[in-house]
Amino acid sequence: MVLHLQTYQENFFLSFGIVDNSIIYSSPPEWFREPIVFETSNLPILMIDTYGNSIPDEPRIDAYLGIIDNETGLNHVTDDFNGYNGHITIEKEVILLSGMIKRHIVLRLSMKMEKIIMLVY
């Protein structure tokens, strides 16, 4: 057992954990379902690379966007970007609409400065 005790301005913080090679897990509940492995979609696939940064409320940050939108209607995450492939800026926005808070993500294509809004629920 490892025991850590830290003090910070007269406050004490105690944390501990068991350090060994044992792995003990209980069975998952019946309602639990394995995560879906997303590989194909009938909808266009947007892949956003924020270069490891979180998307802030402000200011916009630089990112990279690739869109896969095949003419066949079936898109695979391994396909080449054919709808858009370039730099963007991205930020979160929160607006109050009819007394309800709406959260969305705003993408701006760097070349055209077109505003694309993705709703976040």
C-alpha atoms as a PDB file:
ATOM      1  CA  MET A   1       0.000   0.000   0.000  1.00  0.00           C
ATOM      2  CA  VAL A   2       1.237   3.476  -0.845  1.00  0.00           C
ATOM      3  CA  LEU A   3       0.228   6.348   1.412  1.00  0.00           C
ATOM      4  CA  HIS A   4       0.676  10.019   0.534  1.00  0.00           C
ATOM      5  CA  LEU A   5       0.066  12.910   2.912  1.00  0.00           C
ATOM      6  CA  GLN A   6       0.325  16.484   1.686  1.00  0.00           C
ATOM      7  CA  THR A   7      -0.245  19.792   3.425  1.00  0.00           C
ATOM      8  CA  TYR A   8      -1.332  22.958   1.722  1.00  0.00           C
ATOM      9  CA  GLN A   9      -2.040  26.093   3.778  1.00  0.00           C
ATOM     10  CA  GLU A  10      -3.121  24.148   6.869  1.00  0.00           C
ATOM     11  CA  ASN A  11      -5.262  21.712   4.828  1.00  0.00           C
ATOM     12  CA  PHE A  12      -4.354  18.045   4.795  1.00  0.00           C
ATOM     13  CA  PHE A  13      -4.844  15.847   1.745  1.00  0.00           C
ATOM     14  CA  LEU A  14      -4.598  12.101   2.130  1.00  0.00           C
ATOM     15  CA  SER A  15      -4.530   9.751  -0.827  1.00  0.00           C
ATOM     16  CA  PHE A  16      -3.725   6.066  -0.974  1.00  0.00           C
ATOM     17  CA  GLY A  17      -3.816   3.142  -3.337  1.00  0.00           C
ATOM     18  CA  ILE A  18      -2.865  -0.500  -3.601  1.00  0.00           C
ATOM     19  CA  VAL A  19       0.222  -1.221  -5.637  1.00  0.00           C
ATOM     20  CA  ASP A  20       0.407  -4.807  -6.854  1.00  0.00           C
ATOM     21  CA  ASN A  21      -0.235  -6.771 -10.020  1.00  0.00           C
ATOM     22  CA  SER A  22      -3.724  -7.976  -9.150  1.00  0.00           C
ATOM     23  CA  ILE A  23      -6.655  -7.154 -11.401  1.00  0.00           C
ATOM     24  CA  ILE A  24     -10.045  -7.579  -9.797  1.00  0.00           C
ATOM     25  CA  TYR A  25     -13.101  -6.360 -11.656  1.00  0.00           C
ATOM     26  CA  SER A  26     -16.712  -7.182 -11.034  1.00  0.00           C
ATOM     27  CA  SER A  27     -18.981  -8.183 -13.909  1.00  0.00           C
ATOM     28  CA  PRO A  28     -20.525  -5.268 -15.806  1.00  0.00           C
ATOM     29  CA  PRO A  29     -24.230  -4.619 -15.220  1.00  0.00           C
ATOM     30  CA  GLU A  30     -26.768  -6.101 -17.663  1.00  0.00           C
ATOM     31  CA  TRP A  31     -27.581  -2.709 -19.171  1.00  0.00           C
ATOM     32  CA  PHE A  32     -23.949  -2.121 -20.179  1.00  0.00           C
ATOM     33  CA  ARG A  33     -23.192  -2.376 -23.906  1.00  0.00           C
ATOM     34  CA  GLU A  34     -19.751  -2.455 -25.470  1.00  0.00           C
ATOM     35  CA  PRO A  35     -18.760   0.803 -27.232  1.00  0.00           C
ATOM     36  CA  ILE A  36     -19.529   0.905 -30.935  1.00  0.00           C
ATOM     37  CA  VAL A  37     -16.479   0.707 -33.166  1.00  0.00           C
ATOM     38  CA  PHE A  38     -17.137   3.424 -35.712  1.00  0.00           C
ATOM     39  CA  GLU A  39     -15.738   2.527 -39.127  1.00  0.00           C
ATOM     40  CA  THR A  40     -18.411   3.347 -41.732  1.00  0.00           C
ATOM     41  CA  SER A  41     -21.272   5.774 -42.119  1.00  0.00           C
ATOM     42  CA  ASN A  42     -23.922   6.774 -44.646  1.00  0.00           C
ATOM     43  CA  LEU A  43     -23.369  10.362 -43.487  1.00  0.00           C
ATOM     44  CA  PRO A  44     -20.243  12.402 -44.270  1.00  0.00           C
ATOM     45  CA  ILE A  45     -17.449  11.826 -41.756  1.00  0.00           C
ATOM     46  CA  LEU A  46     -15.728  14.886 -40.263  1.00  0.00           C
ATOM     47  CA  MET A  47     -12.319  14.316 -38.685  1.00  0.00           C
ATOM     48  CA  ILE A  48     -10.955  17.214 -36.641  1.00  0.00           C
ATOM     49  CA  ASP A  49      -7.372  17.426 -35.387  1.00  0.00           C
ATOM     50  CA  THR A  50      -6.881  20.121 -32.737  1.00  0.00           C
ATOM     51  CA  TYR A  51      -3.195  19.226 -32.425  1.00  0.00           C
ATOM     52  CA  GLY A  52      -3.809  17.907 -28.902  1.00  0.00           C
ATOM     53  CA  ASN A  53      -5.510  21.059 -27.614  1.00  0.00           C
ATOM     54  CA  SER A  54      -8.936  21.263 -25.979  1.00  0.00           C
ATOM     55  CA  ILE A  55     -11.572  23.305 -27.810  1.00  0.00           C
ATOM     56  CA  PRO A  56     -12.058  26.501 -25.757  1.00  0.00           C
ATOM     57  CA  ASP A  57     -15.004  28.861 -25.483  1.00  0.00           C
ATOM     58  CA  GLU A  58     -12.754  31.664 -26.717  1.00  0.00           C
ATOM     59  CA  PRO A  59     -10.536  32.390 -28.574  1.00  0.00           C
ATOM     60  CA  ARG A  60     -10.688  30.260 -31.694  1.00  0.00           C
ATOM     61  CA  ILE A  61      -7.792  27.856 -32.079  1.00  0.00           C
ATOM     62  CA  ASP A  62      -6.172  26.476 -35.201  1.00  0.00           C
ATOM     63  CA  ALA A  63      -7.164  22.950 -36.196  1.00  0.00           C
ATOM     64  CA  TYR A  64      -7.248  20.664 -39.226  1.00  0.00           C
ATOM     65  CA  LEU A  65     -10.444  19.310 -40.800  1.00  0.00           C
ATOM     66  CA  GLY A  66     -10.860  16.412 -43.173  1.00  0.00           C
ATOM     67  CA  ILE A  67     -14.264  15.492 -44.592  1.00  0.00           C
ATOM     68  CA  ILE A  68     -14.994  12.119 -46.181  1.00  0.00           C
ATOM     69  CA  ASP A  69     -18.070  12.308 -48.415  1.00  0.00           C
ATOM     70  CA  ASN A  70     -18.015   9.600 -51.094  1.00  0.00           C
ATOM     71  CA  GLU A  71     -20.380   9.686 -54.073  1.00  0.00           C
ATOM     72  CA  THR A  72     -21.409   6.090 -53.321  1.00  0.00           C
ATOM     73  CA  GLY A  73     -22.930   7.293 -50.045  1.00  0.00           C
ATOM     74  CA  LEU A  74     -20.870   4.860 -47.968  1.00  0.00           C
ATOM     75  CA  ASN A  75     -17.976   6.487 -46.124  1.00  0.00           C
ATOM     76  CA  HIS A  76     -15.146   4.690 -44.312  1.00  0.00           C
ATOM     77  CA  VAL A  77     -12.860   6.315 -41.739  1.00  0.00           C
ATOM     78  CA  THR A  78      -9.888   4.994 -43.723  1.00  0.00           C
ATOM     79  CA  ASP A  79     -10.958   6.743 -46.973  1.00  0.00           C
ATOM     80  CA  ASP A  80      -9.143   9.811 -48.285  1.00  0.00           C
ATOM     81  CA  PHE A  81     -10.525  13.249 -47.436  1.00  0.00           C
ATOM     82  CA  ASN A  82     -12.493  14.331 -50.496  1.00  0.00           C
ATOM     83  CA  GLY A  83     -15.062  16.821 -49.183  1.00  0.00           C
ATOM     84  CA  TYR A  84     -12.609  19.182 -47.483  1.00  0.00           C
ATOM     85  CA  ASN A  85      -8.979  18.798 -46.486  1.00  0.00           C
ATOM     86  CA  GLY A  86      -7.443  21.846 -44.867  1.00  0.00           C
ATOM     87  CA  HIS A  87      -6.918  24.228 -42.008  1.00  0.00           C
ATOM     88  CA  ILE A  88      -9.756  25.637 -39.915  1.00  0.00           C
ATOM     89  CA  THR A  89     -10.289  27.562 -36.716  1.00  0.00           C
ATOM     90  CA  ILE A  90     -12.597  26.160 -34.066  1.00  0.00           C
ATOM     91  CA  GLU A  91     -14.264  27.283 -30.826  1.00  0.00           C
ATOM     92  CA  LYS A  92     -17.215  26.461 -28.592  1.00  0.00           C
ATOM     93  CA  GLU A  93     -20.137  28.864 -28.330  1.00  0.00           C
ATOM     94  CA  VAL A  94     -22.980  28.954 -25.866  1.00  0.00           C
ATOM     95  CA  ILE A  95     -26.120  30.925 -26.688  1.00  0.00           C
ATOM     96  CA  LEU A  96     -29.369  31.494 -24.849  1.00  0.00           C
ATOM     97  CA  LEU A  97     -32.338  30.799 -27.111  1.00  0.00           C
ATOM     98  CA  SER A  98     -35.928  30.999 -25.841  1.00  0.00           C
ATOM     99  CA  GLY A  99     -34.672  30.664 -22.288  1.00  0.00           C
ATOM    100  CA  MET A 100     -32.675  27.508 -23.048  1.00  0.00           C
ATOM    101  CA  ILE A 101     -28.912  27.198 -23.212  1.00  0.00           C
ATOM    102  CA  LYS A 102     -27.690  25.866 -26.558  1.00  0.00           C
ATOM    103  CA  ARG A 103     -24.113  24.658 -26.958  1.00  0.00           C
ATOM    104  CA  HIS A 104     -22.456  24.290 -30.303  1.00  0.00           C
ATOM    105  CA  ILE A 105     -19.058  24.185 -31.928  1.00  0.00           C
ATOM    106  CA  VAL A 106     -18.168  26.724 -34.603  1.00  0.00           C
ATOM    107  CA  LEU A 107     -15.751  25.816 -37.385  1.00  0.00           C
ATOM    108  CA  ARG A 108     -14.422  28.440 -39.760  1.00  0.00           C
ATOM    109  CA  LEU A 109     -12.760  27.360 -42.966  1.00  0.00           C
ATOM    110  CA  SER A 110      -9.550  29.377 -43.061  1.00  0.00           C
ATOM    111  CA  MET A 111      -9.634  30.243 -46.740  1.00  0.00           C
ATOM    112  CA  LYS A 112     -13.285  31.242 -47.097  1.00  0.00           C
ATOM    113  CA  MET A 113     -14.062  32.119 -43.454  1.00  0.00           C
ATOM    114  CA  GLU A 114     -17.363  30.303 -43.910  1.00  0.00           C
ATOM    115  CA  LYS A 115     -19.011  29.575 -40.598  1.00  0.00           C
ATOM    116  CA  ILE A 116     -20.067  25.974 -39.980  1.00  0.00           C
ATOM    117  CA  ILE A 117     -21.994  25.246 -36.805  1.00  0.00           C
ATOM    118  CA  MET A 118     -22.110  21.783 -35.255  1.00  0.00           C
ATOM    119  CA  LEU A 119     -24.672  21.312 -32.510  1.00  0.00           C
ATOM    120  CA  VAL A 120     -23.456  19.663 -29.326  1.00  0.00           C
ATOM    121  CA  TYR A 121     -26.084  18.011 -27.146  1.00  0.00           C
END
